[in-house]
PDB file of N, CA and C in Angstrom:
ATOM      1  N   MET A   1      -8.110  29.084  -4.783  1.00  0.00           N
ATOM      2  CA  MET A   1      -7.066  27.757  -5.435  1.00  0.00           C
ATOM      3  C   MET A   1      -6.878  26.382  -4.207  1.00  0.00           C
ATOM      4  N   GLU A   2      -6.916  25.600  -4.708  1.00  0.00           N
ATOM      5  CA  GLU A   2      -6.864  24.385  -4.278  1.00  0.00           C
ATOM      6  C   GLU A   2      -5.360  23.815  -3.884  1.00  0.00           C
ATOM      7  N   SER A   3      -4.818  23.699  -3.077  1.00  0.00           N
ATOM      8  CA  SER A   3      -3.097  23.433  -2.807  1.00  0.00           C
ATOM      9  C   SER A   3      -3.340  22.105  -2.561  1.00  0.00           C
ATOM     10  N   ASN A   4      -2.477  21.357  -3.578  1.00  0.00           N
ATOM     11  CA  ASN A   4      -2.095  20.090  -3.460  1.00  0.00           C
ATOM     12  C   ASN A   4      -0.655  19.179  -2.582  1.00  0.00           C
ATOM     13  N   THR A   5      -1.808  18.406  -2.148  1.00  0.00           N
ATOM     14  CA  THR A   5      -1.152  18.043  -0.244  1.00  0.00           C
ATOM     15  C   THR A   5       0.287  16.375  -0.631  1.00  0.00           C
ATOM     16  N   VAL A   6      -0.209  16.165  -2.397  1.00  0.00           N
ATOM     17  CA  VAL A   6       0.546  14.798  -2.164  1.00  0.00           C
ATOM     18  C   VAL A   6       2.428  15.440  -2.498  1.00  0.00           C
ATOM     19  N   ALA A   7       2.926  14.602  -1.730  1.00  0.00           N
ATOM     20  CA  ALA A   7       4.476  14.937  -1.578  1.00  0.00           C
ATOM     21  C   ALA A   7       4.802  14.403  -3.055  1.00  0.00           C
ATOM     22  N   LYS A   8       5.910  14.968  -3.785  1.00  0.00           N
ATOM     23  CA  LYS A   8       6.138  14.135  -4.607  1.00  0.00           C
ATOM     24  C   LYS A   8       7.593  13.026  -4.108  1.00  0.00           C
ATOM     25  N   THR A   9       7.115  11.860  -4.853  1.00  0.00           N
ATOM     26  CA  THR A   9       8.501  11.398  -4.496  1.00  0.00           C
ATOM     27  C   THR A   9       9.164  10.997  -5.651  1.00  0.00           C
ATOM     28  N   GLU A  10      10.164  10.172  -5.064  1.00  0.00           N
ATOM     29  CA  GLU A  10      11.467   9.422  -6.246  1.00  0.00           C
ATOM     30  C   GLU A  10      10.855   8.048  -6.141  1.00  0.00           C
ATOM     31  N   ALA A  11      10.376   7.466  -7.259  1.00  0.00           N
ATOM     32  CA  ALA A  11      10.115   5.917  -7.172  1.00  0.00           C
ATOM     33  C   ALA A  11      11.462   5.089  -8.261  1.00  0.00           C
ATOM     34  N   ALA A  12      11.736   3.876  -7.482  1.00  0.00           N
ATOM     35  CA  ALA A  12      12.462   2.839  -8.322  1.00  0.00           C
ATOM     36  C   ALA A  12      11.910   2.615  -9.526  1.00  0.00           C
ATOM     37  N   THR A  13      12.057   2.029 -10.608  1.00  0.00           N
ATOM     38  CA  THR A  13      11.670   1.667 -11.757  1.00  0.00           C
ATOM     39  C   THR A  13      11.796   0.224 -11.839  1.00  0.00           C
ATOM     40  N   ASP A  14      13.038  -0.118 -11.055  1.00  0.00           N
ATOM     41  CA  ASP A  14      12.996  -1.687 -10.814  1.00  0.00           C
ATOM     42  C   ASP A  14      11.915  -2.430  -9.860  1.00  0.00           C
ATOM     43  N   ALA A  15      11.462  -1.658  -9.094  1.00  0.00           N
ATOM     44  CA  ALA A  15      10.926  -2.239  -7.617  1.00  0.00           C
ATOM     45  C   ALA A  15       9.689  -3.133  -8.064  1.00  0.00           C
ATOM     46  N   ASP A  16       9.348  -4.255  -7.454  1.00  0.00           N
ATOM     47  CA  ASP A  16       8.278  -5.049  -7.142  1.00  0.00           C
ATOM     48  C   ASP A  16       7.812  -5.325  -5.985  1.00  0.00           C
ATOM     49  N   VAL A  17       6.349  -4.623  -6.462  1.00  0.00           N
ATOM     50  CA  VAL A  17       5.403  -3.951  -5.081  1.00  0.00           C
ATOM     51  C   VAL A  17       4.300  -5.662  -5.478  1.00  0.00           C
ATOM     52  N   MET A  18       3.892  -6.143  -4.334  1.00  0.00           N
ATOM     53  CA  MET A  18       2.616  -6.883  -4.294  1.00  0.00           C
ATOM     54  C   MET A  18       1.950  -6.904  -2.795  1.00  0.00           C
ATOM     55  N   ALA A  19       0.634  -7.189  -3.334  1.00  0.00           N
ATOM     56  CA  ALA A  19      -0.370  -6.908  -2.264  1.00  0.00           C
ATOM     57  C   ALA A  19      -0.721  -8.134  -1.731  1.00  0.00           C
ATOM     58  N   SER A  20      -1.507  -8.734  -0.402  1.00  0.00           N
ATOM     59  CA  SER A  20      -1.840  -9.468  -0.494  1.00  0.00           C
ATOM     60  C   SER A  20      -2.637  -9.686   1.100  1.00  0.00           C
ATOM     61  N   VAL A  21      -3.490 -10.604   0.417  1.00  0.00           N
ATOM     62  CA  VAL A  21      -4.512 -10.630   2.269  1.00  0.00           C
ATOM     63  C   VAL A  21      -4.417 -12.271   2.909  1.00  0.00           C
ATOM     64  N   GLU A  22      -3.870 -11.715   4.232  1.00  0.00           N
ATOM     65  CA  GLU A  22      -3.380 -12.648   5.303  1.00  0.00           C
ATOM     66  C   GLU A  22      -5.286 -12.657   5.653  1.00  0.00           C
ATOM     67  N   THR A  23      -5.551 -14.104   6.088  1.00  0.00           N
ATOM     68  CA  THR A  23      -7.230 -14.311   6.823  1.00  0.00           C
ATOM     69  C   THR A  23      -6.538 -14.854   8.203  1.00  0.00           C
ATOM     70  N   GLY A  24      -7.091 -14.604   9.303  1.00  0.00           N
ATOM     71  CA  GLY A  24      -7.171 -15.178  10.917  1.00  0.00           C
ATOM     72  C   GLY A  24      -7.850 -14.041  11.424  1.00  0.00           C
ATOM     73  N   GLN A  25      -8.277 -14.121  12.484  1.00  0.00           N
ATOM     74  CA  GLN A  25      -9.095 -13.797  13.731  1.00  0.00           C
ATOM     75  C   GLN A  25      -9.494 -12.318  12.777  1.00  0.00           C
ATOM     76  N   GLU A  26      -8.193 -10.964  12.363  1.00  0.00           N
ATOM     77  CA  GLU A  26      -8.400  -9.750  11.790  1.00  0.00           C
ATOM     78  C   GLU A  26      -8.121 -10.228  10.232  1.00  0.00           C
ATOM     79  N   ASN A  27      -8.938  -9.824   9.360  1.00  0.00           N
ATOM     80  CA  ASN A  27      -8.274  -9.981   8.010  1.00  0.00           C
ATOM     81  C   ASN A  27      -7.424  -9.097   7.556  1.00  0.00           C
ATOM     82  N   THR A  28      -6.103  -8.688   7.384  1.00  0.00           N
ATOM     83  CA  THR A  28      -4.936  -8.088   6.920  1.00  0.00           C
ATOM     84  C   THR A  28      -4.446  -7.523   5.649  1.00  0.00           C
ATOM     85  N   LEU A  29      -4.378  -6.589   5.028  1.00  0.00           N
ATOM     86  CA  LEU A  29      -4.034  -6.188   3.683  1.00  0.00           C
ATOM     87  C   LEU A  29      -2.168  -5.925   3.765  1.00  0.00           C
ATOM     88  N   ILE A  30      -1.587  -6.365   3.544  1.00  0.00           N
ATOM     89  CA  ILE A  30      -0.111  -6.513   3.361  1.00  0.00           C
ATOM     90  C   ILE A  30       0.253  -5.949   1.422  1.00  0.00           C
ATOM     91  N   ILE A  31       1.359  -4.875   1.987  1.00  0.00           N
ATOM     92  CA  ILE A  31       2.004  -4.463   0.370  1.00  0.00           C
ATOM     93  C   ILE A  31       3.243  -4.562   0.919  1.00  0.00           C
ATOM     94  N   ALA A  32       4.011  -5.138  -0.403  1.00  0.00           N
ATOM     95  CA  ALA A  32       5.560  -5.540  -0.101  1.00  0.00           C
ATOM     96  C   ALA A  32       6.635  -5.028  -0.911  1.00  0.00           C
ATOM     97  N   ASP A  33       7.554  -4.478  -0.928  1.00  0.00           N
ATOM     98  CA  ASP A  33       8.392  -4.066  -2.035  1.00  0.00           C
ATOM     99  C   ASP A  33       9.092  -5.298  -1.951  1.00  0.00           C
ATOM    100  N   VAL A  34       9.109  -6.511  -1.967  1.00  0.00           N
ATOM    101  CA  VAL A  34       9.650  -7.612  -2.208  1.00  0.00           C
ATOM    102  C   VAL A  34      11.133  -7.820  -2.784  1.00  0.00           C
ATOM    103  N   SER A  35      11.413  -6.390  -3.703  1.00  0.00           N
ATOM    104  CA  SER A  35      13.055  -6.115  -3.972  1.00  0.00           C
ATOM    105  C   SER A  35      13.957  -5.590  -2.885  1.00  0.00           C
ATOM    106  N   THR A  36      13.510  -5.209  -1.672  1.00  0.00           N
ATOM    107  CA  THR A  36      14.047  -4.325  -0.531  1.00  0.00           C
ATOM    108  C   THR A  36      13.271  -5.385   0.866  1.00  0.00           C
ATOM    109  N   ASP A  37      14.407  -5.488   1.651  1.00  0.00           N
ATOM    110  CA  ASP A  37      14.512  -6.202   3.030  1.00  0.00           C
ATOM    111  C   ASP A  37      13.528  -5.355   3.488  1.00  0.00           C
ATOM    112  N   GLY A  38      12.504  -5.174   4.370  1.00  0.00           N
ATOM    113  CA  GLY A  38      11.869  -4.550   5.618  1.00  0.00           C
ATOM    114  C   GLY A  38      10.988  -3.560   4.999  1.00  0.00           C
ATOM    115  N   ALA A  39      10.248  -3.678   3.559  1.00  0.00           N
ATOM    116  CA  ALA A  39      10.054  -2.804   2.957  1.00  0.00           C
ATOM    117  C   ALA A  39       8.122  -3.031   2.781  1.00  0.00           C
ATOM    118  N   TYR A  40       7.360  -3.226   3.669  1.00  0.00           N
ATOM    119  CA  TYR A  40       5.998  -3.257   3.832  1.00  0.00           C
ATOM    120  C   TYR A  40       5.642  -2.783   4.810  1.00  0.00           C
ATOM    121  N   LEU A  41       4.090  -2.541   4.322  1.00  0.00           N
ATOM    122  CA  LEU A  41       3.519  -1.856   5.436  1.00  0.00           C
ATOM    123  C   LEU A  41       2.048  -2.991   5.784  1.00  0.00           C
ATOM    124  N   THR A  42       1.642  -3.025   6.926  1.00  0.00           N
ATOM    125  CA  THR A  42       0.113  -3.574   6.762  1.00  0.00           C
ATOM    126  C   THR A  42      -0.905  -2.820   7.483  1.00  0.00           C
ATOM    127  N   ALA A  43      -2.078  -3.066   7.354  1.00  0.00           N
ATOM    128  CA  ALA A  43      -3.190  -2.565   7.574  1.00  0.00           C
ATOM    129  C   ALA A  43      -4.892  -3.547   7.569  1.00  0.00           C
ATOM    130  N   PRO A  44      -5.532  -2.753   8.529  1.00  0.00           N
ATOM    131  CA  PRO A  44      -6.573  -3.826   8.773  1.00  0.00           C
ATOM    132  C   PRO A  44      -7.542  -4.020   7.688  1.00  0.00           C
ATOM    133  N   LEU A  45      -7.647  -5.551   7.174  1.00  0.00           N
ATOM    134  CA  LEU A  45      -8.514  -5.389   5.521  1.00  0.00           C
ATOM    135  C   LEU A  45      -9.831  -4.051   5.980  1.00  0.00           C
ATOM    136  N   ALA A  46     -10.699  -4.230   6.839  1.00  0.00           N
ATOM    137  CA  ALA A  46     -11.882  -2.943   7.001  1.00  0.00           C
ATOM    138  C   ALA A  46     -11.263  -1.965   6.713  1.00  0.00           C
ATOM    139  N   ASP A  47      -9.866  -1.485   7.042  1.00  0.00           N
ATOM    140  CA  ASP A  47      -9.557   0.305   6.779  1.00  0.00           C
ATOM    141  C   ASP A  47      -8.976   0.347   5.305  1.00  0.00           C
ATOM    142  N   ALA A  48      -8.931  -0.683   5.070  1.00  0.00           N
ATOM    143  CA  ALA A  48      -8.167  -0.668   3.106  1.00  0.00           C
ATOM    144  C   ALA A  48      -8.937   0.277   2.328  1.00  0.00           C
ATOM    145  N   ALA A  49      -8.565   0.847   1.937  1.00  0.00           N
ATOM    146  CA  ALA A  49      -9.674   1.854   0.837  1.00  0.00           C
ATOM    147  C   ALA A  49      -9.887   0.580  -0.740  1.00  0.00           C
ATOM    148  N   SER A  50     -10.986   1.006  -0.988  1.00  0.00           N
ATOM    149  CA  SER A  50     -10.727  -0.093  -2.216  1.00  0.00           C
ATOM    150  C   SER A  50     -10.255   0.708  -3.773  1.00  0.00           C
ATOM    151  N   LEU A  51     -10.872  -0.246  -4.431  1.00  0.00           N
ATOM    152  CA  LEU A  51      -9.898   1.047  -5.697  1.00  0.00           C
ATOM    153  C   LEU A  51     -10.383   1.507  -6.377  1.00  0.00           C
ATOM    154  N   PRO A  52     -12.522   1.530  -6.415  1.00  0.00           N
ATOM    155  CA  PRO A  52     -13.464   2.789  -6.559  1.00  0.00           C
ATOM    156  C   PRO A  52     -12.876   3.936  -5.929  1.00  0.00           C
ATOM    157  N   ALA A  53     -12.649   3.951  -4.316  1.00  0.00           N
ATOM    158  CA  ALA A  53     -13.161   5.048  -3.338  1.00  0.00           C
ATOM    159  C   ALA A  53     -11.162   5.724  -3.586  1.00  0.00           C
ATOM    160  N   TRP A  54     -10.378   5.259  -4.690  1.00  0.00           N
ATOM    161  CA  TRP A  54      -9.318   6.078  -5.181  1.00  0.00           C
ATOM    162  C   TRP A  54      -9.440   6.344  -6.307  1.00  0.00           C
ATOM    163  N   ARG A  55     -10.312   6.375  -6.600  1.00  0.00           N
ATOM    164  CA  ARG A  55     -10.616   7.173  -8.298  1.00  0.00           C
ATOM    165  C   ARG A  55     -11.113   8.593  -7.856  1.00  0.00           C
TER     166      ARG A  55
END
């Protein structure tokens, strides 16, 4: 039997999440919950998973 490694979380239904790519010396992916101060993460764009990779 395969174990499920994804932890269950509760998500706010009124969250407003956006993604953006910041260009510069290194392109960076930014994902932010704009409804909450300081709720964001960044990753080098080269390391970010593409949508087909998440399928």
